[in-house]
């Protein structure tokens, strides 16, 4: 009995160490540098061209996964992310910087559409102007209108990435860029893609809380503090003096 207890005391810590190591291995595999958006592509995606568009989508994925202009684009948790490699690292993209051809992809090609897509026409682009508001619409007026006869040709797929997966997958920007420069000659047309090709992106997180900033701007317009209260001391003094004069009379 004592021997069994000893073996048990030795086996339990060993099992805990093995479990911790396995957990760490999963975290390393999924949590590459950048933002962990919950999208893990264990192998190169099966990309299909959206009809009449220069954008590809992954018809077999459980995520809103696209490829355009030499980069992969994912819409997840009401934010857009991009990467030059099929499994990240992923970086947040501001709605003002999103390529319009990606935003024009019809609703039906979103494999995990959010709930607010529910009543929108499947053959039309999501109503980003309604979702992101008038300010965004004014900045990107005409985003859903273009001459379809001048639609650019789709960028070639980076098929060289097919042989990189699992432990062989490059997780660092420098390593990814070096492999890409030797195997992929596409010249990006979008400014956001050119910046990403040129160097690692500046760390940026989604900003959903605009109200505090607006309040700060209002305070700057009005001054550093609340409005000055009217000074009624002189009026009160005059009223008291008038009552004294009446009492004397």
Foldseek 3Di string as FASTA:
>chain_A
DVVVVVVVVVVVVVVVVVVVVVVVLVCPQQVFPEDRQPDADQFDADWDDQPLALKTARPPDQFGWIDFQQKIWGQGPNFIWIANAPRDPIYTDDPLQDQLRSQFRFQLRGNHDDPVCVPPDRRTGPPVCVVVHVVSCVSCPPSNDDDSVPHDHHADDQCVCRVAGDPRHDRDLVVVLVVCVVRPDRDGPGPVVVVVSVDPDDHDDDDDDCVVVVVVVVCVVVDVDDDDDDDCPVVVVVVVVVVVVVVVD
